[in-house]
Amino acid sequence: MRRPKIKITLIDRKGERGCHRGHNIGDSFDFDTERGDLCPMAMHVAFPYVDILRYGGSIPGQPEGTAVFCCPDADTINVFKAEIMIEE
């Protein structure tokens, strides 16, 4: 069984400052091929959610196949969504 592709998208910003890595709302990253472009702090938080989604788990209170999480930078607080991409 192939692991599903995961897309990570910046969907909101709660902090007062811009992202020190230069990410903007709407930026998307393919977890497998572009994860090196994603801020390492956000990636650190994303990894467990990606694992949960890839191996059939779900996040309580969130739609099936998605996980919303925040960057740990208190000045920025970028909000990301990880989602399973359905291949056609």
C-alpha atoms as a PDB file:
ATOM      1  CA  MET A   1       0.000   0.000   0.000  1.00  0.00           C
ATOM      2  CA  ARG A   2       1.375   3.415  -0.987  1.00  0.00           C
ATOM      3  CA  ARG A   3       1.543   6.182   1.529  1.00  0.00           C
ATOM      4  CA  PRO A   4      -0.807   9.035   0.581  1.00  0.00           C
ATOM      5  CA  LYS A   5       0.635  12.358  -0.504  1.00  0.00           C
ATOM      6  CA  ILE A   6       0.337  15.166   2.043  1.00  0.00           C
ATOM      7  CA  LYS A   7       0.036  18.867   1.248  1.00  0.00           C
ATOM      8  CA  ILE A   8       0.788  21.471   3.927  1.00  0.00           C
ATOM      9  CA  THR A   9      -0.750  24.922   3.413  1.00  0.00           C
ATOM     10  CA  LEU A  10      -0.386  28.115   5.439  1.00  0.00           C
ATOM     11  CA  ILE A  11      -4.018  29.105   6.087  1.00  0.00           C
ATOM     12  CA  ASP A  12      -3.852  31.892   8.695  1.00  0.00           C
ATOM     13  CA  ARG A  13      -1.553  34.048  10.816  1.00  0.00           C
ATOM     14  CA  LYS A  14      -2.348  35.002  14.420  1.00  0.00           C
ATOM     15  CA  GLY A  15       0.865  36.769  15.471  1.00  0.00           C
ATOM     16  CA  GLU A  16       1.746  40.433  15.093  1.00  0.00           C
ATOM     17  CA  ARG A  17       4.912  39.942  13.039  1.00  0.00           C
ATOM     18  CA  GLY A  18       5.537  38.436   9.639  1.00  0.00           C
ATOM     19  CA  CYS A  19       7.087  35.028   9.258  1.00  0.00           C
ATOM     20  CA  HIS A  20      10.870  35.091   9.686  1.00  0.00           C
ATOM     21  CA  ARG A  21      11.104  32.411   6.968  1.00  0.00           C
ATOM     22  CA  GLY A  22       9.017  34.507   4.561  1.00  0.00           C
ATOM     23  CA  HIS A  23       5.959  32.245   4.378  1.00  0.00           C
ATOM     24  CA  ASN A  24       2.679  33.870   3.364  1.00  0.00           C
ATOM     25  CA  ILE A  25      -0.931  32.774   3.684  1.00  0.00           C
ATOM     26  CA  GLY A  26      -1.700  30.480   0.766  1.00  0.00           C
ATOM     27  CA  ASP A  27       1.799  29.000   0.470  1.00  0.00           C
ATOM     28  CA  SER A  28       1.614  25.216   0.000  1.00  0.00           C
ATOM     29  CA  PHE A  29       4.251  22.506   0.273  1.00  0.00           C
ATOM     30  CA  ASP A  30       4.297  18.886  -0.852  1.00  0.00           C
ATOM     31  CA  PHE A  31       5.513  17.033   2.223  1.00  0.00           C
ATOM     32  CA  ASP A  32       7.591  14.554   0.232  1.00  0.00           C
ATOM     33  CA  THR A  33       9.270  16.879  -2.262  1.00  0.00           C
ATOM     34  CA  GLU A  34       9.196  20.370  -0.696  1.00  0.00           C
ATOM     35  CA  ARG A  35       9.433  19.871   3.041  1.00  0.00           C
ATOM     36  CA  GLY A  36      12.912  21.437   3.026  1.00  0.00           C
ATOM     37  CA  ASP A  37      11.252  24.698   1.974  1.00  0.00           C
ATOM     38  CA  LEU A  38       9.023  24.721   5.051  1.00  0.00           C
ATOM     39  CA  CYS A  39      10.243  26.473   8.191  1.00  0.00           C
ATOM     40  CA  PRO A  40      12.033  23.941  10.431  1.00  0.00           C
ATOM     41  CA  MET A  41       9.978  24.994  13.471  1.00  0.00           C
ATOM     42  CA  ALA A  42       6.711  24.399  11.601  1.00  0.00           C
ATOM     43  CA  MET A  43       8.068  21.136  10.188  1.00  0.00           C
ATOM     44  CA  HIS A  44       8.880  19.953  13.696  1.00  0.00           C
ATOM     45  CA  VAL A  45       5.231  20.415  14.658  1.00  0.00           C
ATOM     46  CA  ALA A  46       3.869  19.067  11.352  1.00  0.00           C
ATOM     47  CA  PHE A  47       5.680  15.738  11.394  1.00  0.00           C
ATOM     48  CA  PRO A  48       3.519  13.927  14.003  1.00  0.00           C
ATOM     49  CA  TYR A  49       0.332  15.086  12.287  1.00  0.00           C
ATOM     50  CA  VAL A  50       1.591  13.897   8.902  1.00  0.00           C
ATOM     51  CA  ASP A  51       2.400  10.512  10.431  1.00  0.00           C
ATOM     52  CA  ILE A  52      -1.078  10.261  11.970  1.00  0.00           C
ATOM     53  CA  LEU A  53      -2.765  11.086   8.662  1.00  0.00           C
ATOM     54  CA  ARG A  54      -0.526   8.849   6.556  1.00  0.00           C
ATOM     55  CA  TYR A  55      -1.101   5.769   8.645  1.00  0.00           C
ATOM     56  CA  GLY A  56      -4.878   5.972   8.895  1.00  0.00           C
ATOM     57  CA  GLY A  57      -5.388   8.024  12.029  1.00  0.00           C
ATOM     58  CA  SER A  58      -7.506  11.107  12.500  1.00  0.00           C
ATOM     59  CA  ILE A  59      -7.358  14.238  14.619  1.00  0.00           C
ATOM     60  CA  PRO A  60     -10.310  14.606  17.028  1.00  0.00           C
ATOM     61  CA  GLY A  61     -12.594  17.491  16.059  1.00  0.00           C
ATOM     62  CA  GLN A  62     -11.039  17.953  12.605  1.00  0.00           C
ATOM     63  CA  PRO A  63     -12.363  16.808   9.229  1.00  0.00           C
ATOM     64  CA  GLU A  64     -11.204  13.380   8.055  1.00  0.00           C
ATOM     65  CA  GLY A  65      -7.851  13.526   6.297  1.00  0.00           C
ATOM     66  CA  THR A  66      -6.842  16.932   7.703  1.00  0.00           C
ATOM     67  CA  ALA A  67      -4.847  18.333  10.602  1.00  0.00           C
ATOM     68  CA  VAL A  68      -4.609  22.008  11.533  1.00  0.00           C
ATOM     69  CA  PHE A  69      -1.620  23.081  13.622  1.00  0.00           C
ATOM     70  CA  CYS A  70       0.364  26.186  14.539  1.00  0.00           C
ATOM     71  CA  CYS A  71       3.964  27.210  14.196  1.00  0.00           C
ATOM     72  CA  PRO A  72       5.586  27.473  17.654  1.00  0.00           C
ATOM     73  CA  ASP A  73       6.972  30.992  16.991  1.00  0.00           C
ATOM     74  CA  ALA A  74       5.022  33.199  19.437  1.00  0.00           C
ATOM     75  CA  ASP A  75       5.711  36.338  17.386  1.00  0.00           C
ATOM     76  CA  THR A  76       4.275  34.848  14.203  1.00  0.00           C
ATOM     77  CA  ILE A  77       1.881  31.988  15.028  1.00  0.00           C
ATOM     78  CA  ASN A  78       1.344  30.752  11.488  1.00  0.00           C
ATOM     79  CA  VAL A  79      -1.567  28.315  11.179  1.00  0.00           C
ATOM     80  CA  PHE A  80      -1.050  25.416   8.781  1.00  0.00           C
ATOM     81  CA  LYS A  81      -3.310  22.699   7.431  1.00  0.00           C
ATOM     82  CA  ALA A  82      -1.960  19.279   6.486  1.00  0.00           C
ATOM     83  CA  GLU A  83      -4.239  17.283   4.233  1.00  0.00           C
ATOM     84  CA  ILE A  84      -4.207  14.008   2.372  1.00  0.00           C
ATOM     85  CA  MET A  85      -4.115  14.549  -1.370  1.00  0.00           C
ATOM     86  CA  ILE A  86      -6.266  12.122  -3.312  1.00  0.00           C
ATOM     87  CA  GLU A  87      -4.411  10.933  -6.412  1.00  0.00           C
ATOM     88  CA  GLU A  88      -6.477  10.456  -9.523  1.00  0.00           C
END
